């Protein structure tokens, strides 16, 4: 089976998963269930991948406290920002929420009105990062879930370049492709049923959503 066919399979998986949860009822509750279902599916796939990688002597070096990748550009889409906000409001204190929004606005000031290439060069902590750990790990977007490295040293090198020179970390290709295609299929279904999806750097999308006070219900009803 060639890579294009594998990509199509994961794309269809994402598309069908969205339909399985949302075909009968397009509601905030079902949307949250659909997003959690998508994340569970990719997490289970990546767990199996990591077990195989370890068995082949290629262990994933990502671990709690290693946050080099949490200082680079991370892009997410509308439903992920809404899911993140639901998690933040339900799990974190008011003080934590205010601090996250403050940091998101500060980083957005560094990336707003810049080209994608310029955004990729910015090195600044993710607004959800606190003392080397992700405060929204359970709700983190797809881009974060599929970023698995075989070399922490290569990630540090990428960070140390400070965006001036491109130094690519030793990432596993399979998780990146599988997760991206599943997400694209999922988004394709949402767009088919009329929902408006936009991709933005995480600090821009999140700070904008919170400032506007947009909710999952409003997004679904107003699309």
C-alpha atoms as a PDB file:
ATOM      1  CA  UNK A   1       0.000   0.000   0.000  1.00  0.00           C
ATOM      2  CA  UNK A   2       1.503   3.352  -1.015  1.00  0.00           C
ATOM      3  CA  UNK A   3       1.577   6.505   1.115  1.00  0.00           C
ATOM      4  CA  UNK A   4      -1.228   8.224  -0.787  1.00  0.00           C
ATOM      5  CA  UNK A   5      -3.596   5.341  -0.077  1.00  0.00           C
ATOM      6  CA  UNK A   6      -2.616   5.339   3.600  1.00  0.00           C
ATOM      7  CA  UNK A   7      -3.302   9.089   3.736  1.00  0.00           C
ATOM      8  CA  UNK A   8      -6.728   8.525   2.174  1.00  0.00           C
ATOM      9  CA  UNK A   9      -7.563   5.874   4.768  1.00  0.00           C
ATOM     10  CA  UNK A  10      -6.796   8.198   7.684  1.00  0.00           C
ATOM     11  CA  UNK A  11      -8.661  11.051   5.987  1.00  0.00           C
ATOM     12  CA  UNK A  12     -11.737   8.840   5.629  1.00  0.00           C
ATOM     13  CA  UNK A  13     -11.403   7.771   9.262  1.00  0.00           C
ATOM     14  CA  UNK A  14     -11.560  11.388  10.412  1.00  0.00           C
ATOM     15  CA  UNK A  15     -14.460  12.196   8.121  1.00  0.00           C
ATOM     16  CA  UNK A  16     -16.481   9.158   9.161  1.00  0.00           C
ATOM     17  CA  UNK A  17     -15.833   9.770  12.847  1.00  0.00           C
ATOM     18  CA  UNK A  18     -17.294  13.261  12.625  1.00  0.00           C
ATOM     19  CA  UNK A  19     -20.323  11.867  10.822  1.00  0.00           C
ATOM     20  CA  UNK A  20     -20.799   9.089  13.358  1.00  0.00           C
ATOM     21  CA  UNK A  21     -21.193  11.610  16.167  1.00  0.00           C
ATOM     22  CA  UNK A  22     -22.888  14.468  14.324  1.00  0.00           C
ATOM     23  CA  UNK A  23     -25.071  12.990  11.576  1.00  0.00           C
ATOM     24  CA  UNK A  24     -28.170  12.704  13.763  1.00  0.00           C
ATOM     25  CA  UNK A  25     -27.615  15.730  15.996  1.00  0.00           C
ATOM     26  CA  UNK A  26     -25.370  18.741  15.404  1.00  0.00           C
ATOM     27  CA  UNK A  27     -25.191  20.129  18.935  1.00  0.00           C
ATOM     28  CA  UNK A  28     -22.527  21.393  21.367  1.00  0.00           C
ATOM     29  CA  UNK A  29     -22.748  18.161  23.380  1.00  0.00           C
ATOM     30  CA  UNK A  30     -22.292  15.982  20.320  1.00  0.00           C
ATOM     31  CA  UNK A  31     -19.533  18.206  18.989  1.00  0.00           C
ATOM     32  CA  UNK A  32     -17.579  17.822  22.227  1.00  0.00           C
ATOM     33  CA  UNK A  33     -18.114  14.059  22.038  1.00  0.00           C
ATOM     34  CA  UNK A  34     -16.900  14.024  18.445  1.00  0.00           C
ATOM     35  CA  UNK A  35     -13.734  15.966  19.298  1.00  0.00           C
ATOM     36  CA  UNK A  36     -12.975  13.731  22.268  1.00  0.00           C
ATOM     37  CA  UNK A  37     -13.607  10.683  20.085  1.00  0.00           C
ATOM     38  CA  UNK A  38     -11.142  11.943  17.474  1.00  0.00           C
ATOM     39  CA  UNK A  39      -8.502  12.594  20.127  1.00  0.00           C
ATOM     40  CA  UNK A  40      -9.027   9.181  21.709  1.00  0.00           C
ATOM     41  CA  UNK A  41      -8.581   7.534  18.324  1.00  0.00           C
ATOM     42  CA  UNK A  42      -5.291   9.288  17.575  1.00  0.00           C
ATOM     43  CA  UNK A  43      -4.033   8.769  21.134  1.00  0.00           C
ATOM     44  CA  UNK A  44      -4.675   5.028  20.904  1.00  0.00           C
ATOM     45  CA  UNK A  45      -2.977   4.887  17.515  1.00  0.00           C
ATOM     46  CA  UNK A  46       0.054   6.750  18.834  1.00  0.00           C
ATOM     47  CA  UNK A  47       0.264   4.564  21.913  1.00  0.00           C
ATOM     48  CA  UNK A  48       0.508   1.505  19.670  1.00  0.00           C
ATOM     49  CA  UNK A  49       3.051   3.297  17.492  1.00  0.00           C
ATOM     50  CA  UNK A  50       5.227   4.139  20.491  1.00  0.00           C
ATOM     51  CA  UNK A  51       5.146   0.536  21.711  1.00  0.00           C
ATOM     52  CA  UNK A  52       6.343  -0.631  18.310  1.00  0.00           C
ATOM     53  CA  UNK A  53       9.011   2.093  18.171  1.00  0.00           C
ATOM     54  CA  UNK A  54      10.345   1.041  21.584  1.00  0.00           C
ATOM     55  CA  UNK A  55      10.440  -2.598  20.486  1.00  0.00           C
ATOM     56  CA  UNK A  56      12.504  -1.553  17.476  1.00  0.00           C
ATOM     57  CA  UNK A  57      14.906   0.488  19.589  1.00  0.00           C
ATOM     58  CA  UNK A  58      13.532   3.886  18.515  1.00  0.00           C
ATOM     59  CA  UNK A  59      11.948   5.165  21.682  1.00  0.00           C
ATOM     60  CA  UNK A  60      10.045   8.444  21.663  1.00  0.00           C
ATOM     61  CA  UNK A  61      11.960  10.930  23.825  1.00  0.00           C
ATOM     62  CA  UNK A  62       9.012  13.242  24.544  1.00  0.00           C
ATOM     63  CA  UNK A  63       8.222  13.453  28.266  1.00  0.00           C
ATOM     64  CA  UNK A  64       6.722  15.770  30.841  1.00  0.00           C
ATOM     65  CA  UNK A  65       9.025  18.700  31.503  1.00  0.00           C
ATOM     66  CA  UNK A  66      10.576  18.657  28.026  1.00  0.00           C
ATOM     67  CA  UNK A  67       9.026  21.706  26.413  1.00  0.00           C
ATOM     68  CA  UNK A  68      11.307  22.798  23.587  1.00  0.00           C
ATOM     69  CA  UNK A  69       8.517  22.325  21.062  1.00  0.00           C
ATOM     70  CA  UNK A  70       6.139  24.394  23.210  1.00  0.00           C
ATOM     71  CA  UNK A  71       7.995  27.566  22.186  1.00  0.00           C
ATOM     72  CA  UNK A  72       7.402  27.310  18.457  1.00  0.00           C
ATOM     73  CA  UNK A  73       4.432  28.006  16.220  1.00  0.00           C
ATOM     74  CA  UNK A  74       1.409  25.764  16.819  1.00  0.00           C
ATOM     75  CA  UNK A  75      -1.606  26.003  14.528  1.00  0.00           C
ATOM     76  CA  UNK A  76      -5.110  24.842  15.386  1.00  0.00           C
ATOM     77  CA  UNK A  77      -8.617  25.197  13.954  1.00  0.00           C
ATOM     78  CA  UNK A  78     -11.841  26.695  15.265  1.00  0.00           C
ATOM     79  CA  UNK A  79     -13.373  23.608  16.868  1.00  0.00           C
ATOM     80  CA  UNK A  80     -10.090  22.992  18.720  1.00  0.00           C
ATOM     81  CA  UNK A  81     -10.041  26.526  20.143  1.00  0.00           C
ATOM     82  CA  UNK A  82     -13.624  26.114  21.326  1.00  0.00           C
ATOM     83  CA  UNK A  83     -12.806  22.742  22.890  1.00  0.00           C
ATOM     84  CA  UNK A  84      -9.770  24.252  24.616  1.00  0.00           C
ATOM     85  CA  UNK A  85     -11.876  27.075  26.031  1.00  0.00           C
ATOM     86  CA  UNK A  86     -14.493  24.659  27.339  1.00  0.00           C
ATOM     87  CA  UNK A  87     -11.714  22.768  29.111  1.00  0.00           C
ATOM     88  CA  UNK A  88     -10.090  25.905  30.513  1.00  0.00           C
ATOM     89  CA  UNK A  89     -13.372  27.241  31.865  1.00  0.00           C
ATOM     90  CA  UNK A  90     -14.297  23.897  33.396  1.00  0.00           C
ATOM     91  CA  UNK A  91     -10.937  22.823  34.837  1.00  0.00           C
ATOM     92  CA  UNK A  92      -8.837  25.888  35.646  1.00  0.00           C
ATOM     93  CA  UNK A  93      -9.184  28.653  38.206  1.00  0.00           C
ATOM     94  CA  UNK A  94     -10.105  32.221  37.302  1.00  0.00           C
ATOM     95  CA  UNK A  95      -6.545  33.283  38.018  1.00  0.00           C
ATOM     96  CA  UNK A  96      -5.163  30.611  35.705  1.00  0.00           C
ATOM     97  CA  UNK A  97      -7.628  31.584  32.985  1.00  0.00           C
ATOM     98  CA  UNK A  98      -6.654  35.252  33.233  1.00  0.00           C
ATOM     99  CA  UNK A  99      -2.954  34.395  33.127  1.00  0.00           C
ATOM    100  CA  UNK A 100      -3.392  32.205  30.039  1.00  0.00           C
ATOM    101  CA  UNK A 101      -5.305  34.945  28.233  1.00  0.00           C
ATOM    102  CA  UNK A 102      -2.638  37.498  29.154  1.00  0.00           C
ATOM    103  CA  UNK A 103       0.129  35.277  27.775  1.00  0.00           C
ATOM    104  CA  UNK A 104      -1.912  34.469  24.664  1.00  0.00           C
ATOM    105  CA  UNK A 105      -2.357  38.167  23.909  1.00  0.00           C
ATOM    106  CA  UNK A 106       1.325  38.822  24.487  1.00  0.00           C
ATOM    107  CA  UNK A 107       2.384  36.074  22.077  1.00  0.00           C
ATOM    108  CA  UNK A 108      -0.276  37.133  19.579  1.00  0.00           C
ATOM    109  CA  UNK A 109       1.418  40.518  19.548  1.00  0.00           C
ATOM    110  CA  UNK A 110       4.540  38.782  18.243  1.00  0.00           C
ATOM    111  CA  UNK A 111       2.807  36.800  15.487  1.00  0.00           C
ATOM    112  CA  UNK A 112      -0.156  38.940  14.372  1.00  0.00           C
ATOM    113  CA  UNK A 113       0.000  40.286  10.810  1.00  0.00           C
ATOM    114  CA  UNK A 114       3.081  38.207  10.036  1.00  0.00           C
ATOM    115  CA  UNK A 115       3.401  35.719   7.202  1.00  0.00           C
ATOM    116  CA  UNK A 116       3.342  32.021   8.013  1.00  0.00           C
ATOM    117  CA  UNK A 117       7.089  31.868   7.430  1.00  0.00           C
ATOM    118  CA  UNK A 118       7.628  34.732   9.877  1.00  0.00           C
ATOM    119  CA  UNK A 119       5.319  33.099  12.426  1.00  0.00           C
ATOM    120  CA  UNK A 120       7.373  29.905  12.186  1.00  0.00           C
ATOM    121  CA  UNK A 121      10.453  31.868  13.222  1.00  0.00           C
ATOM    122  CA  UNK A 122       8.968  33.172  16.474  1.00  0.00           C
ATOM    123  CA  UNK A 123      10.213  31.483  19.636  1.00  0.00           C
ATOM    124  CA  UNK A 124       7.977  32.219  22.625  1.00  0.00           C
ATOM    125  CA  UNK A 125       6.295  29.986  25.191  1.00  0.00           C
ATOM    126  CA  UNK A 126       2.833  28.628  24.460  1.00  0.00           C
ATOM    127  CA  UNK A 127       0.279  30.477  26.619  1.00  0.00           C
ATOM    128  CA  UNK A 128      -0.831  27.144  28.087  1.00  0.00           C
ATOM    129  CA  UNK A 129       2.675  26.235  29.267  1.00  0.00           C
ATOM    130  CA  UNK A 130       3.322  26.559  33.004  1.00  0.00           C
ATOM    131  CA  UNK A 131       6.562  25.511  34.713  1.00  0.00           C
ATOM    132  CA  UNK A 132       7.442  23.228  31.809  1.00  0.00           C
ATOM    133  CA  UNK A 133       4.062  21.450  31.729  1.00  0.00           C
ATOM    134  CA  UNK A 134       0.930  21.855  29.628  1.00  0.00           C
ATOM    135  CA  UNK A 135      -2.071  23.043  31.641  1.00  0.00           C
ATOM    136  CA  UNK A 136      -4.495  21.742  29.021  1.00  0.00           C
ATOM    137  CA  UNK A 137      -2.780  18.473  28.143  1.00  0.00           C
ATOM    138  CA  UNK A 138      -6.025  16.475  27.968  1.00  0.00           C
ATOM    139  CA  UNK A 139      -7.537  19.014  25.541  1.00  0.00           C
ATOM    140  CA  UNK A 140      -4.403  19.895  23.547  1.00  0.00           C
ATOM    141  CA  UNK A 141      -4.971  20.203  19.791  1.00  0.00           C
ATOM    142  CA  UNK A 142      -4.044  17.633  17.191  1.00  0.00           C
ATOM    143  CA  UNK A 143      -0.811  19.415  16.225  1.00  0.00           C
ATOM    144  CA  UNK A 144       0.533  18.871  19.745  1.00  0.00           C
ATOM    145  CA  UNK A 145      -0.585  15.244  19.997  1.00  0.00           C
ATOM    146  CA  UNK A 146       1.177  14.099  16.844  1.00  0.00           C
ATOM    147  CA  UNK A 147       4.490  15.894  17.443  1.00  0.00           C
ATOM    148  CA  UNK A 148       6.648  12.992  18.602  1.00  0.00           C
ATOM    149  CA  UNK A 149      10.432  13.207  18.593  1.00  0.00           C
ATOM    150  CA  UNK A 150      13.099  10.517  18.562  1.00  0.00           C
ATOM    151  CA  UNK A 151      15.693  13.046  19.729  1.00  0.00           C
ATOM    152  CA  UNK A 152      15.232  15.632  22.465  1.00  0.00           C
ATOM    153  CA  UNK A 153      18.656  17.003  21.519  1.00  0.00           C
ATOM    154  CA  UNK A 154      17.410  17.798  18.015  1.00  0.00           C
ATOM    155  CA  UNK A 155      14.412  19.637  19.489  1.00  0.00           C
ATOM    156  CA  UNK A 156      16.716  21.711  21.690  1.00  0.00           C
ATOM    157  CA  UNK A 157      18.854  22.515  18.655  1.00  0.00           C
ATOM    158  CA  UNK A 158      15.755  23.716  16.811  1.00  0.00           C
ATOM    159  CA  UNK A 159      14.843  25.880  19.808  1.00  0.00           C
ATOM    160  CA  UNK A 160      18.365  27.296  20.126  1.00  0.00           C
ATOM    161  CA  UNK A 161      18.337  28.412  16.490  1.00  0.00           C
ATOM    162  CA  UNK A 162      15.747  30.981  17.623  1.00  0.00           C
ATOM    163  CA  UNK A 163      14.033  30.841  14.266  1.00  0.00           C
ATOM    164  CA  UNK A 164      17.004  32.333  12.408  1.00  0.00           C
ATOM    165  CA  UNK A 165      18.055  29.091  10.749  1.00  0.00           C
ATOM    166  CA  UNK A 166      15.838  26.123  10.055  1.00  0.00           C
ATOM    167  CA  UNK A 167      17.023  23.082  11.998  1.00  0.00           C
ATOM    168  CA  UNK A 168      14.549  20.249  11.790  1.00  0.00           C
ATOM    169  CA  UNK A 169      14.029  18.077  14.882  1.00  0.00           C
ATOM    170  CA  UNK A 170      14.065  14.284  14.638  1.00  0.00           C
ATOM    171  CA  UNK A 171      10.323  13.777  14.384  1.00  0.00           C
ATOM    172  CA  UNK A 172       8.534  10.545  13.557  1.00  0.00           C
ATOM    173  CA  UNK A 173       6.775  10.962  10.216  1.00  0.00           C
ATOM    174  CA  UNK A 174       3.921   8.475  10.704  1.00  0.00           C
ATOM    175  CA  UNK A 175       2.200  10.309  13.603  1.00  0.00           C
ATOM    176  CA  UNK A 176       2.435  13.633  11.758  1.00  0.00           C
ATOM    177  CA  UNK A 177       0.833  12.280   8.600  1.00  0.00           C
ATOM    178  CA  UNK A 178      -1.810  10.129  10.294  1.00  0.00           C
ATOM    179  CA  UNK A 179      -2.987  12.869  12.647  1.00  0.00           C
ATOM    180  CA  UNK A 180      -2.963  15.549   9.986  1.00  0.00           C
ATOM    181  CA  UNK A 181      -5.053  13.465   7.599  1.00  0.00           C
ATOM    182  CA  UNK A 182      -7.532  12.441  10.293  1.00  0.00           C
ATOM    183  CA  UNK A 183      -7.930  16.083  11.281  1.00  0.00           C
ATOM    184  CA  UNK A 184      -8.394  17.150   7.661  1.00  0.00           C
ATOM    185  CA  UNK A 185     -11.113  14.549   7.180  1.00  0.00           C
ATOM    186  CA  UNK A 186     -12.823  15.632  10.398  1.00  0.00           C
ATOM    187  CA  UNK A 187     -12.723  19.298   9.327  1.00  0.00           C
ATOM    188  CA  UNK A 188     -14.016  18.403   5.853  1.00  0.00           C
ATOM    189  CA  UNK A 189     -17.164  16.919   7.381  1.00  0.00           C
ATOM    190  CA  UNK A 190     -17.704  19.973   9.601  1.00  0.00           C
ATOM    191  CA  UNK A 191     -17.391  22.274   6.604  1.00  0.00           C
ATOM    192  CA  UNK A 192     -19.769  20.088   4.612  1.00  0.00           C
ATOM    193  CA  UNK A 193     -22.489  20.612   7.226  1.00  0.00           C
ATOM    194  CA  UNK A 194     -21.914  24.372   7.135  1.00  0.00           C
ATOM    195  CA  UNK A 195     -19.564  25.025  10.045  1.00  0.00           C
ATOM    196  CA  UNK A 196     -16.914  27.695   9.511  1.00  0.00           C
ATOM    197  CA  UNK A 197     -13.384  26.516  10.291  1.00  0.00           C
ATOM    198  CA  UNK A 198     -10.341  28.813  10.369  1.00  0.00           C
ATOM    199  CA  UNK A 199      -6.727  27.844  11.060  1.00  0.00           C
ATOM    200  CA  UNK A 200      -4.668  30.218  13.204  1.00  0.00           C
ATOM    201  CA  UNK A 201      -1.669  30.159  15.539  1.00  0.00           C
ATOM    202  CA  UNK A 202      -2.914  28.910  18.885  1.00  0.00           C
ATOM    203  CA  UNK A 203      -2.307  32.220  20.688  1.00  0.00           C
ATOM    204  CA  UNK A 204      -4.243  34.199  18.078  1.00  0.00           C
ATOM    205  CA  UNK A 205      -7.178  31.839  17.791  1.00  0.00           C
ATOM    206  CA  UNK A 206      -7.586  31.376  21.523  1.00  0.00           C
ATOM    207  CA  UNK A 207      -7.221  35.036  22.535  1.00  0.00           C
ATOM    208  CA  UNK A 208      -9.618  36.127  19.781  1.00  0.00           C
ATOM    209  CA  UNK A 209     -12.229  33.546  20.764  1.00  0.00           C
ATOM    210  CA  UNK A 210     -12.100  34.479  24.462  1.00  0.00           C
ATOM    211  CA  UNK A 211     -12.206  38.207  23.709  1.00  0.00           C
ATOM    212  CA  UNK A 212     -15.305  37.757  21.527  1.00  0.00           C
ATOM    213  CA  UNK A 213     -16.862  35.406  24.091  1.00  0.00           C
ATOM    214  CA  UNK A 214     -17.736  32.875  21.403  1.00  0.00           C
ATOM    215  CA  UNK A 215     -19.123  29.541  22.593  1.00  0.00           C
ATOM    216  CA  UNK A 216     -19.552  26.188  20.901  1.00  0.00           C
ATOM    217  CA  UNK A 217     -23.304  26.758  20.786  1.00  0.00           C
ATOM    218  CA  UNK A 218     -22.939  30.152  19.077  1.00  0.00           C
ATOM    219  CA  UNK A 219     -20.473  28.758  16.554  1.00  0.00           C
ATOM    220  CA  UNK A 220     -22.841  25.956  15.583  1.00  0.00           C
ATOM    221  CA  UNK A 221     -25.948  28.168  15.482  1.00  0.00           C
ATOM    222  CA  UNK A 222     -24.359  31.056  13.590  1.00  0.00           C
ATOM    223  CA  UNK A 223     -22.394  29.148  10.959  1.00  0.00           C
END
